[in-house]
Amino acid sequence: MAIICISGLTGSGKNSAGEALAKLTGLRLISFTFKNEAKKRGISLMEMQKLADENKEIDLNFDKRLVEEASKGNCIVTTWLGPWMIKNADLRVWLYADERVRAERIAKRDELNADKALAHLRKRDADNISRFKKHYGIDITDRSNFDMEIDSGKHRPAEIAKIIEGKLNG
């Protein structure tokens, strides 16, 4: 029963790598995102972030659902806090990329110009880092509990999936 958690900052490629790994391995993909939650509520992502900062219950309910779903096993979890929330994860992976690479991805995905994408990325990263410290005492910049780190700026999602699969099987 494999549980793989993939995390990283804004635009690091968590979801893309998770989707590629799910295709490769046949494991279920668990990808709860604030983007999806904001869409359901009819608000912007940054409004959702602000609500979560003001109301800890939003994060707690989100993470409770995540832990319940992951406890069924045989899954890939692609969320910011998955590696900290899923205590019995078999593999914890941190994806990173240069800030400019991540901003380019955000610009393309969200149809923003480069400057707006970079500002969005910086704000979102800072807000999440601060909120996770405040609500959980978790410092997501400390990656000492990860089994591996992969530069997603140098590897495409399918390559990342193969690297992770190799680590899992190796």
Protein backbone atom coordinates (compact mmCIF):
# COMPACT_ATOMS: atom_id res chain seq x y z
CA MET A 1 0.00 0.00 0.00
CA ALA A 2 1.96 3.00 -1.28
CA ILE A 3 1.32 6.59 -0.26
CA ILE A 4 3.40 9.19 -2.05
CA CYS A 5 3.24 12.86 -1.06
CA ILE A 6 4.42 15.54 -3.48
CA SER A 7 4.81 19.12 -2.31
CA GLY A 8 6.41 22.36 -3.42
CA LEU A 9 5.81 26.06 -3.66
CA THR A 10 3.47 27.80 -6.10
CA GLY A 11 4.07 26.69 -9.68
CA SER A 12 6.51 23.93 -8.76
CA GLY A 13 4.54 21.34 -10.71
CA LYS A 14 2.99 19.30 -7.89
CA ASN A 15 -0.22 18.55 -9.74
CA SER A 16 1.38 17.94 -13.14
CA ALA A 17 3.94 15.55 -11.65
CA GLY A 18 1.24 13.81 -9.60
CA GLU A 19 -0.94 13.32 -12.68
CA ALA A 20 1.99 11.86 -14.62
CA LEU A 21 2.89 9.56 -11.71
CA ALA A 22 -0.72 8.39 -11.37
CA LYS A 23 -0.75 7.47 -15.08
CA LEU A 24 2.55 5.66 -14.73
CA THR A 25 1.74 3.72 -11.56
CA GLY A 26 -2.05 3.40 -11.58
CA LEU A 27 -2.22 4.91 -8.08
CA ARG A 28 -5.14 7.19 -7.18
CA LEU A 29 -4.47 10.91 -7.34
CA ILE A 30 -5.59 13.03 -4.39
CA SER A 31 -5.25 16.65 -5.33
CA PHE A 32 -7.40 18.89 -3.13
CA THR A 33 -6.57 22.49 -4.00
CA PHE A 34 -7.61 25.90 -2.81
CA LYS A 35 -7.99 26.78 -6.51
CA ASN A 36 -10.80 24.23 -6.79
CA GLU A 37 -12.32 25.26 -3.46
CA ALA A 38 -12.29 28.93 -4.49
CA LYS A 39 -13.97 28.05 -7.77
CA LYS A 40 -16.71 26.13 -5.91
CA ARG A 41 -17.31 29.15 -3.68
CA GLY A 42 -17.27 31.58 -6.61
CA ILE A 43 -14.35 33.60 -5.25
CA SER A 44 -10.77 34.22 -6.32
CA LEU A 45 -7.88 32.08 -5.13
CA MET A 46 -6.44 35.00 -3.17
CA GLU A 47 -9.82 35.60 -1.48
CA MET A 48 -9.82 31.92 -0.52
CA GLN A 49 -6.31 32.28 0.92
CA LYS A 50 -7.45 35.32 2.95
CA LEU A 51 -10.47 33.42 4.31
CA ALA A 52 -8.21 30.54 5.35
CA ASP A 53 -5.83 32.93 7.07
CA GLU A 54 -8.70 34.40 9.05
CA ASN A 55 -10.44 31.09 9.78
CA LYS A 56 -8.25 28.15 10.78
CA GLU A 57 -11.23 25.77 10.40
CA ILE A 58 -10.95 26.01 6.61
CA ASP A 59 -7.47 24.50 6.68
CA LEU A 60 -8.39 21.98 9.37
CA ASN A 61 -11.43 20.71 7.42
CA PHE A 62 -9.41 20.62 4.20
CA ASP A 63 -6.65 18.59 5.87
CA LYS A 64 -9.11 16.27 7.63
CA ARG A 65 -10.59 15.33 4.24
CA LEU A 66 -7.09 14.86 2.85
CA VAL A 67 -6.00 12.53 5.67
CA GLU A 68 -9.23 10.52 5.45
CA GLU A 69 -8.84 10.03 1.70
CA ALA A 70 -5.12 9.16 1.94
CA SER A 71 -5.75 6.65 4.73
CA LYS A 72 -7.34 4.38 2.11
CA GLY A 73 -3.81 3.96 0.69
CA ASN A 74 -2.43 3.41 -2.80
CA CYS A 75 -2.42 7.08 -3.66
CA ILE A 76 -0.44 10.13 -4.65
CA VAL A 77 -1.14 13.25 -2.61
CA THR A 78 -0.27 16.56 -4.30
CA THR A 79 -0.86 19.27 -1.72
CA TRP A 80 1.23 21.81 0.11
CA LEU A 81 0.93 20.10 3.51
CA GLY A 82 0.48 16.47 2.49
CA PRO A 83 4.01 15.44 3.55
CA TRP A 84 3.36 16.79 7.04
CA MET A 85 -0.28 15.68 7.40
CA ILE A 86 0.09 12.12 6.07
CA LYS A 87 2.15 10.53 8.83
CA ASN A 88 2.40 7.10 7.15
CA ALA A 89 3.57 8.31 3.75
CA ASP A 90 6.01 5.93 2.08
CA LEU A 91 7.72 8.67 0.10
CA ARG A 92 7.85 12.45 0.51
CA VAL A 93 8.95 14.44 -2.54
CA TRP A 94 9.73 18.16 -2.70
CA LEU A 95 9.58 19.80 -6.12
CA TYR A 96 11.42 23.05 -6.64
CA ALA A 97 12.23 25.35 -9.52
CA ASP A 98 13.67 28.79 -10.00
CA GLU A 99 11.18 31.53 -9.17
CA ARG A 100 11.20 32.78 -12.77
CA VAL A 101 10.39 29.30 -14.11
CA ARG A 102 7.52 28.98 -11.65
CA ALA A 103 6.24 32.46 -12.56
CA GLU A 104 6.28 31.56 -16.27
CA ARG A 105 4.13 28.53 -15.51
CA ILE A 106 1.68 30.61 -13.50
CA ALA A 107 1.56 33.23 -16.27
CA LYS A 108 0.72 30.61 -18.87
CA ARG A 109 -1.77 28.71 -16.68
CA ASP A 110 -3.62 31.78 -15.37
CA GLU A 111 -3.17 33.99 -18.45
CA LEU A 112 -1.21 36.67 -16.57
CA ASN A 113 1.66 38.83 -17.70
CA ALA A 114 5.09 37.95 -16.29
CA ASP A 115 5.15 40.71 -13.66
CA LYS A 116 1.69 39.89 -12.34
CA ALA A 117 2.49 36.18 -12.25
CA LEU A 118 5.68 36.82 -10.28
CA ALA A 119 3.85 39.10 -7.82
CA HIS A 120 1.09 36.49 -7.43
CA LEU A 121 3.62 33.71 -6.84
CA ARG A 122 5.52 35.71 -4.22
CA LYS A 123 2.34 36.72 -2.39
CA ARG A 124 0.90 33.21 -2.42
CA ASP A 125 4.14 31.61 -1.23
CA ALA A 126 4.54 34.19 1.56
CA ASP A 127 0.89 33.85 2.63
CA ASN A 128 1.07 30.05 2.77
CA ILE A 129 4.40 29.96 4.58
CA SER A 130 3.03 32.39 7.17
CA ARG A 131 -0.37 30.67 7.52
CA PHE A 132 1.11 27.19 7.95
CA LYS A 133 3.47 28.46 10.65
CA LYS A 134 0.62 30.28 12.40
CA HIS A 135 -1.99 27.50 12.19
CA TYR A 136 0.19 24.39 12.48
CA GLY A 137 3.66 25.42 13.57
CA ILE A 138 4.93 23.90 10.29
CA ASP A 139 7.78 25.55 8.45
CA ILE A 140 7.43 24.37 4.86
CA THR A 141 10.81 25.86 4.02
CA ASP A 142 12.39 23.16 6.23
CA ARG A 143 12.52 20.11 4.00
CA SER A 144 14.46 17.83 6.33
CA ASN A 145 11.63 15.27 6.42
CA PHE A 146 11.64 14.73 2.63
CA ASP A 147 13.03 11.61 1.01
CA MET A 148 13.96 13.38 -2.19
CA GLU A 149 14.01 16.77 -3.90
CA ILE A 150 13.62 17.21 -7.64
CA ASP A 151 14.27 20.31 -9.73
CA SER A 152 11.08 20.55 -11.76
CA GLY A 153 12.64 23.32 -13.82
CA LYS A 154 14.99 20.75 -15.35
CA HIS A 155 12.58 17.80 -15.65
CA ARG A 156 9.22 17.47 -17.35
CA PRO A 157 6.34 15.85 -15.40
CA ALA A 158 6.79 12.45 -17.09
CA GLU A 159 10.51 12.47 -16.20
CA ILE A 160 9.70 13.42 -12.61
CA ALA A 161 7.21 10.54 -12.46
CA LYS A 162 9.90 8.10 -13.60
CA ILE A 163 12.40 9.46 -11.05
CA ILE A 164 9.85 9.05 -8.25
CA GLU A 165 8.84 5.58 -9.43
CA GLY A 166 12.52 4.59 -9.47
CA LYS A 167 12.97 5.77 -5.89
CA LEU A 168 9.80 3.97 -4.80
CA ASN A 169 10.88 0.71 -6.42
CA GLY A 170 14.57 1.03 -5.74
